[in-house]
Amino acid sequence: MDSHKEQISLWYDQYGEAVFKFIFMMIKDYQQAEDLTQETFVKAYVHIDAFQEKATPKTWLFTIAHNLTVDFVRKKKPSFLLKELFKKDTTPLPDEMMQMKEEQFHLYHAIQQLKDSHRKVIMLRKIKEFSIQETADILNWSESKVKSTLFRALHALERQLLKGDYQYDSKPRQTQ
């Protein structure tokens, strides 16, 4: 049993911050994201025998985090969504804000404007760099749904960035 505690502790050190940021980007509530992160690792500890290493520990933890967050939103939906309507502050955490460059800050805000499925697939594939298969496993989608949603999400993100007069592409801009 001690080896399970050590394993979860190691995973928490490796992935805890990434899991928290993933949850926080979905619900935009710092305290609740902390609670759901803790719940993710508690659930992983309780069900560690179910971890069959078909996926990486990171994929398994993100799957747990995603499912717990979806359950939370589903249960809290009316009051949670009402709270979100009146709370339009999507600013990142202060320490993250200081680390962001201006382009990253604009990108963060543009991602926050996307619909939930687009935000999730961009975060998992492009920010957290999960494979198509891992993303499909985490979201419980088919691989083709991941691909098509990502395609649409990237176009929606580009439109959002252009609407905010931000230019985003993979090539550096040339100054004249």
C-alpha atoms as a PDB file:
ATOM      1  CA  MET A   1       0.000   0.000   0.000  1.00  0.00           C
ATOM      2  CA  ASP A   2       2.918   2.373   0.696  1.00  0.00           C
ATOM      3  CA  SER A   3       4.131   1.897  -2.876  1.00  0.00           C
ATOM      4  CA  HIS A   4       0.741   3.185  -4.101  1.00  0.00           C
ATOM      5  CA  LYS A   5       1.089   6.305  -1.940  1.00  0.00           C
ATOM      6  CA  GLU A   6       4.586   6.856  -3.276  1.00  0.00           C
ATOM      7  CA  GLN A   7       3.406   6.374  -6.858  1.00  0.00           C
ATOM      8  CA  ILE A   8       0.537   8.862  -6.490  1.00  0.00           C
ATOM      9  CA  SER A   9       2.857  11.306  -4.726  1.00  0.00           C
ATOM     10  CA  LEU A  10       5.326  11.029  -7.597  1.00  0.00           C
ATOM     11  CA  TRP A  11       2.553  11.537 -10.149  1.00  0.00           C
ATOM     12  CA  TYR A  12       1.260  14.523  -8.187  1.00  0.00           C
ATOM     13  CA  ASP A  13       4.725  16.099  -8.292  1.00  0.00           C
ATOM     14  CA  GLN A  14       4.997  15.414 -12.030  1.00  0.00           C
ATOM     15  CA  TYR A  15       1.471  16.230 -13.197  1.00  0.00           C
ATOM     16  CA  GLY A  16      -0.363  18.070 -10.410  1.00  0.00           C
ATOM     17  CA  GLU A  17       0.189  21.564 -11.780  1.00  0.00           C
ATOM     18  CA  ALA A  18      -0.732  20.536 -15.342  1.00  0.00           C
ATOM     19  CA  VAL A  19      -3.920  18.829 -14.108  1.00  0.00           C
ATOM     20  CA  PHE A  20      -4.824  21.937 -12.081  1.00  0.00           C
ATOM     21  CA  LYS A  21      -4.311  24.261 -15.069  1.00  0.00           C
ATOM     22  CA  PHE A  22      -6.396  21.973 -17.284  1.00  0.00           C
ATOM     23  CA  ILE A  23      -9.284  21.996 -14.794  1.00  0.00           C
ATOM     24  CA  PHE A  24      -8.915  25.738 -14.156  1.00  0.00           C
ATOM     25  CA  MET A  25      -9.133  26.492 -17.892  1.00  0.00           C
ATOM     26  CA  MET A  26     -12.401  24.546 -18.029  1.00  0.00           C
ATOM     27  CA  ILE A  27     -14.156  26.054 -15.000  1.00  0.00           C
ATOM     28  CA  LYS A  28     -12.289  29.318 -14.271  1.00  0.00           C
ATOM     29  CA  ASP A  29     -12.730  28.901 -10.511  1.00  0.00           C
ATOM     30  CA  TYR A  30      -9.400  28.716  -8.665  1.00  0.00           C
ATOM     31  CA  GLN A  31     -10.669  27.160  -5.430  1.00  0.00           C
ATOM     32  CA  GLN A  32     -12.867  24.611  -7.186  1.00  0.00           C
ATOM     33  CA  ALA A  33     -10.008  23.726  -9.558  1.00  0.00           C
ATOM     34  CA  GLU A  34      -7.795  23.054  -6.521  1.00  0.00           C
ATOM     35  CA  ASP A  35     -10.505  20.856  -5.002  1.00  0.00           C
ATOM     36  CA  LEU A  36     -11.033  18.927  -8.234  1.00  0.00           C
ATOM     37  CA  THR A  37      -7.272  18.463  -8.639  1.00  0.00           C
ATOM     38  CA  GLN A  38      -7.075  16.949  -5.161  1.00  0.00           C
ATOM     39  CA  GLU A  39     -10.107  14.798  -5.922  1.00  0.00           C
ATOM     40  CA  THR A  40      -8.404  13.603  -9.117  1.00  0.00           C
ATOM     41  CA  PHE A  41      -5.404  12.287  -7.206  1.00  0.00           C
ATOM     42  CA  VAL A  42      -7.538  10.808  -4.417  1.00  0.00           C
ATOM     43  CA  LYS A  43      -9.590   8.951  -7.029  1.00  0.00           C
ATOM     44  CA  ALA A  44      -6.384   7.798  -8.737  1.00  0.00           C
ATOM     45  CA  TYR A  45      -5.109   6.476  -5.401  1.00  0.00           C
ATOM     46  CA  VAL A  46      -8.366   4.653  -4.641  1.00  0.00           C
ATOM     47  CA  HIS A  47      -8.494   3.128  -8.125  1.00  0.00           C
ATOM     48  CA  ILE A  48      -4.777   2.618  -8.777  1.00  0.00           C
ATOM     49  CA  ASP A  49      -5.335  -1.111  -9.183  1.00  0.00           C
ATOM     50  CA  ALA A  50      -7.551  -0.288 -12.178  1.00  0.00           C
ATOM     51  CA  PHE A  51      -4.634   1.485 -13.866  1.00  0.00           C
ATOM     52  CA  GLN A  52      -3.541  -1.120 -16.373  1.00  0.00           C
ATOM     53  CA  GLU A  53      -0.846   0.891 -18.071  1.00  0.00           C
ATOM     54  CA  LYS A  54      -2.758   0.788 -21.375  1.00  0.00           C
ATOM     55  CA  ALA A  55      -2.334   4.545 -21.230  1.00  0.00           C
ATOM     56  CA  THR A  56       0.378   6.682 -19.692  1.00  0.00           C
ATOM     57  CA  PRO A  57      -0.137   7.839 -16.096  1.00  0.00           C
ATOM     58  CA  LYS A  58      -0.567  11.388 -17.441  1.00  0.00           C
ATOM     59  CA  THR A  59      -3.344  10.331 -19.826  1.00  0.00           C
ATOM     60  CA  TRP A  60      -5.049   8.328 -17.085  1.00  0.00           C
ATOM     61  CA  LEU A  61      -4.913  11.280 -14.646  1.00  0.00           C
ATOM     62  CA  PHE A  62      -6.212  13.731 -17.258  1.00  0.00           C
ATOM     63  CA  THR A  63      -9.064  11.333 -18.021  1.00  0.00           C
ATOM     64  CA  ILE A  64      -9.993  11.253 -14.328  1.00  0.00           C
ATOM     65  CA  ALA A  65      -9.671  15.059 -14.104  1.00  0.00           C
ATOM     66  CA  HIS A  66     -11.822  15.573 -17.195  1.00  0.00           C
ATOM     67  CA  ASN A  67     -14.552  13.220 -15.964  1.00  0.00           C
ATOM     68  CA  LEU A  68     -14.629  14.769 -12.474  1.00  0.00           C
ATOM     69  CA  THR A  69     -14.802  18.275 -13.957  1.00  0.00           C
ATOM     70  CA  VAL A  70     -17.581  17.352 -16.376  1.00  0.00           C
ATOM     71  CA  ASP A  71     -19.513  15.762 -13.479  1.00  0.00           C
ATOM     72  CA  PHE A  72     -18.965  18.885 -11.375  1.00  0.00           C
ATOM     73  CA  VAL A  73     -20.228  21.203 -14.121  1.00  0.00           C
ATOM     74  CA  ARG A  74     -23.192  18.933 -14.832  1.00  0.00           C
ATOM     75  CA  LYS A  75     -24.240  18.880 -11.152  1.00  0.00           C
ATOM     76  CA  LYS A  76     -23.649  22.588 -10.614  1.00  0.00           C
ATOM     77  CA  LYS A  77     -24.726  23.721 -14.063  1.00  0.00           C
ATOM     78  CA  PRO A  78     -27.573  26.159 -13.285  1.00  0.00           C
ATOM     79  CA  SER A  79     -25.872  27.970 -10.420  1.00  0.00           C
ATOM     80  CA  PHE A  80     -22.377  27.581 -11.875  1.00  0.00           C
ATOM     81  CA  LEU A  81     -23.385  28.991 -15.261  1.00  0.00           C
ATOM     82  CA  LEU A  82     -25.275  31.830 -13.636  1.00  0.00           C
ATOM     83  CA  LYS A  83     -22.183  32.672 -11.603  1.00  0.00           C
ATOM     84  CA  GLU A  84     -20.094  32.581 -14.791  1.00  0.00           C
ATOM     85  CA  LEU A  85     -22.486  34.975 -16.553  1.00  0.00           C
ATOM     86  CA  PHE A  86     -21.895  37.606 -13.904  1.00  0.00           C
ATOM     87  CA  LYS A  87     -18.219  36.824 -13.530  1.00  0.00           C
ATOM     88  CA  LYS A  88     -16.503  37.855 -16.728  1.00  0.00           C
ATOM     89  CA  ASP A  89     -12.978  37.906 -15.282  1.00  0.00           C
ATOM     90  CA  THR A  90     -10.930  35.450 -17.317  1.00  0.00           C
ATOM     91  CA  THR A  91      -7.558  36.803 -16.272  1.00  0.00           C
ATOM     92  CA  PRO A  92      -4.881  34.230 -15.627  1.00  0.00           C
ATOM     93  CA  LEU A  93      -3.349  33.755 -12.192  1.00  0.00           C
ATOM     94  CA  PRO A  94      -0.956  36.582 -11.235  1.00  0.00           C
ATOM     95  CA  ASP A  95       2.214  34.472 -11.404  1.00  0.00           C
ATOM     96  CA  GLU A  96       1.162  33.131 -14.809  1.00  0.00           C
ATOM     97  CA  MET A  97       0.367  36.632 -16.069  1.00  0.00           C
ATOM     98  CA  MET A  98       3.891  37.819 -15.258  1.00  0.00           C
ATOM     99  CA  GLN A  99       5.369  34.929 -17.229  1.00  0.00           C
ATOM    100  CA  MET A 100       3.210  35.416 -20.300  1.00  0.00           C
ATOM    101  CA  LYS A 101       4.383  37.379 -23.261  1.00  0.00           C
ATOM    102  CA  GLU A 102       1.861  39.703 -24.854  1.00  0.00           C
ATOM    103  CA  GLU A 103       1.067  37.232 -27.656  1.00  0.00           C
ATOM    104  CA  GLN A 104       0.498  34.416 -25.178  1.00  0.00           C
ATOM    105  CA  PHE A 105      -1.810  36.635 -23.165  1.00  0.00           C
ATOM    106  CA  HIS A 106      -3.906  37.395 -26.258  1.00  0.00           C
ATOM    107  CA  LEU A 107      -3.902  33.715 -27.188  1.00  0.00           C
ATOM    108  CA  TYR A 108      -5.102  32.788 -23.674  1.00  0.00           C
ATOM    109  CA  HIS A 109      -8.004  35.238 -23.925  1.00  0.00           C
ATOM    110  CA  ALA A 110      -8.913  34.037 -27.408  1.00  0.00           C
ATOM    111  CA  ILE A 111      -8.969  30.408 -26.213  1.00  0.00           C
ATOM    112  CA  GLN A 112     -11.247  31.404 -23.322  1.00  0.00           C
ATOM    113  CA  GLN A 113     -13.769  32.735 -25.850  1.00  0.00           C
ATOM    114  CA  LEU A 114     -14.064  29.384 -27.638  1.00  0.00           C
ATOM    115  CA  LYS A 115     -16.764  26.866 -26.930  1.00  0.00           C
ATOM    116  CA  ASP A 116     -15.935  24.162 -24.410  1.00  0.00           C
ATOM    117  CA  SER A 117     -15.189  21.306 -26.841  1.00  0.00           C
ATOM    118  CA  HIS A 118     -12.859  23.521 -28.878  1.00  0.00           C
ATOM    119  CA  ARG A 119     -11.073  24.778 -25.766  1.00  0.00           C
ATOM    120  CA  LYS A 120     -10.549  21.221 -24.470  1.00  0.00           C
ATOM    121  CA  VAL A 121      -9.205  19.778 -27.710  1.00  0.00           C
ATOM    122  CA  ILE A 122      -6.805  22.698 -28.250  1.00  0.00           C
ATOM    123  CA  MET A 123      -5.553  22.442 -24.673  1.00  0.00           C
ATOM    124  CA  LEU A 124      -4.987  18.706 -24.835  1.00  0.00           C
ATOM    125  CA  ARG A 125      -3.528  18.467 -28.347  1.00  0.00           C
ATOM    126  CA  LYS A 126      -1.663  21.743 -28.767  1.00  0.00           C
ATOM    127  CA  ILE A 127      -0.831  22.909 -25.252  1.00  0.00           C
ATOM    128  CA  LYS A 128      -0.470  19.654 -23.321  1.00  0.00           C
ATOM    129  CA  GLU A 129       0.732  17.843 -26.479  1.00  0.00           C
ATOM    130  CA  PHE A 130      -1.280  14.655 -26.040  1.00  0.00           C
ATOM    131  CA  SER A 131      -1.485  12.395 -29.084  1.00  0.00           C
ATOM    132  CA  ILE A 132      -4.739  12.043 -31.013  1.00  0.00           C
ATOM    133  CA  GLN A 133      -5.317   8.650 -29.361  1.00  0.00           C
ATOM    134  CA  GLU A 134      -4.592   9.992 -25.850  1.00  0.00           C
ATOM    135  CA  THR A 135      -6.903  12.961 -26.445  1.00  0.00           C
ATOM    136  CA  ALA A 136      -9.624  10.616 -27.679  1.00  0.00           C
ATOM    137  CA  ASP A 137      -9.183   8.481 -24.555  1.00  0.00           C
ATOM    138  CA  ILE A 138      -9.322  11.472 -22.192  1.00  0.00           C
ATOM    139  CA  LEU A 139     -12.416  12.987 -23.809  1.00  0.00           C
ATOM    140  CA  ASN A 140     -14.029   9.636 -24.585  1.00  0.00           C
ATOM    141  CA  TRP A 141     -14.257  10.612 -28.261  1.00  0.00           C
ATOM    142  CA  SER A 142     -13.308   8.802 -31.459  1.00  0.00           C
ATOM    143  CA  GLU A 143     -10.011   9.743 -33.076  1.00  0.00           C
ATOM    144  CA  SER A 144     -11.880  11.173 -36.065  1.00  0.00           C
ATOM    145  CA  LYS A 145     -13.917  13.420 -33.739  1.00  0.00           C
ATOM    146  CA  VAL A 146     -10.667  14.680 -32.171  1.00  0.00           C
ATOM    147  CA  LYS A 147      -9.251  15.464 -35.616  1.00  0.00           C
ATOM    148  CA  SER A 148     -12.353  17.197 -36.951  1.00  0.00           C
ATOM    149  CA  THR A 149     -12.980  19.136 -33.734  1.00  0.00           C
ATOM    150  CA  LEU A 150      -9.353  20.261 -33.637  1.00  0.00           C
ATOM    151  CA  PHE A 151      -9.580  21.409 -37.256  1.00  0.00           C
ATOM    152  CA  ARG A 152     -12.706  23.474 -36.462  1.00  0.00           C
ATOM    153  CA  ALA A 153     -11.259  24.692 -33.168  1.00  0.00           C
ATOM    154  CA  LEU A 154      -8.098  26.023 -34.779  1.00  0.00           C
ATOM    155  CA  HIS A 155     -10.143  27.911 -37.359  1.00  0.00           C
ATOM    156  CA  ALA A 156     -12.376  29.307 -34.607  1.00  0.00           C
ATOM    157  CA  LEU A 157      -9.273  30.331 -32.643  1.00  0.00           C
ATOM    158  CA  GLU A 158      -7.816  32.060 -35.689  1.00  0.00           C
ATOM    159  CA  ARG A 159     -11.095  33.951 -36.235  1.00  0.00           C
ATOM    160  CA  GLN A 160     -11.144  34.927 -32.549  1.00  0.00           C
ATOM    161  CA  LEU A 161      -7.575  36.208 -32.726  1.00  0.00           C
ATOM    162  CA  LEU A 162      -8.263  38.162 -35.918  1.00  0.00           C
ATOM    163  CA  LYS A 163     -11.417  39.620 -34.395  1.00  0.00           C
ATOM    164  CA  GLY A 164      -9.240  40.956 -31.591  1.00  0.00           C
ATOM    165  CA  ASP A 165      -6.811  42.334 -34.182  1.00  0.00           C
ATOM    166  CA  TYR A 166      -4.164  39.835 -33.091  1.00  0.00           C
ATOM    167  CA  GLN A 167      -2.182  38.096 -35.760  1.00  0.00           C
ATOM    168  CA  TYR A 168      -1.336  34.507 -34.881  1.00  0.00           C
ATOM    169  CA  ASP A 169       0.679  32.223 -37.050  1.00  0.00           C
ATOM    170  CA  SER A 170       3.616  29.923 -36.594  1.00  0.00           C
ATOM    171  CA  LYS A 171       5.985  32.189 -38.530  1.00  0.00           C
ATOM    172  CA  PRO A 172       7.478  35.272 -36.898  1.00  0.00           C
ATOM    173  CA  ARG A 173       6.109  38.549 -38.222  1.00  0.00           C
ATOM    174  CA  GLN A 174       8.425  40.674 -40.319  1.00  0.00           C
ATOM    175  CA  THR A 175       8.765  44.284 -39.324  1.00  0.00           C
ATOM    176  CA  GLN A 176       9.334  46.956 -41.917  1.00  0.00           C
END
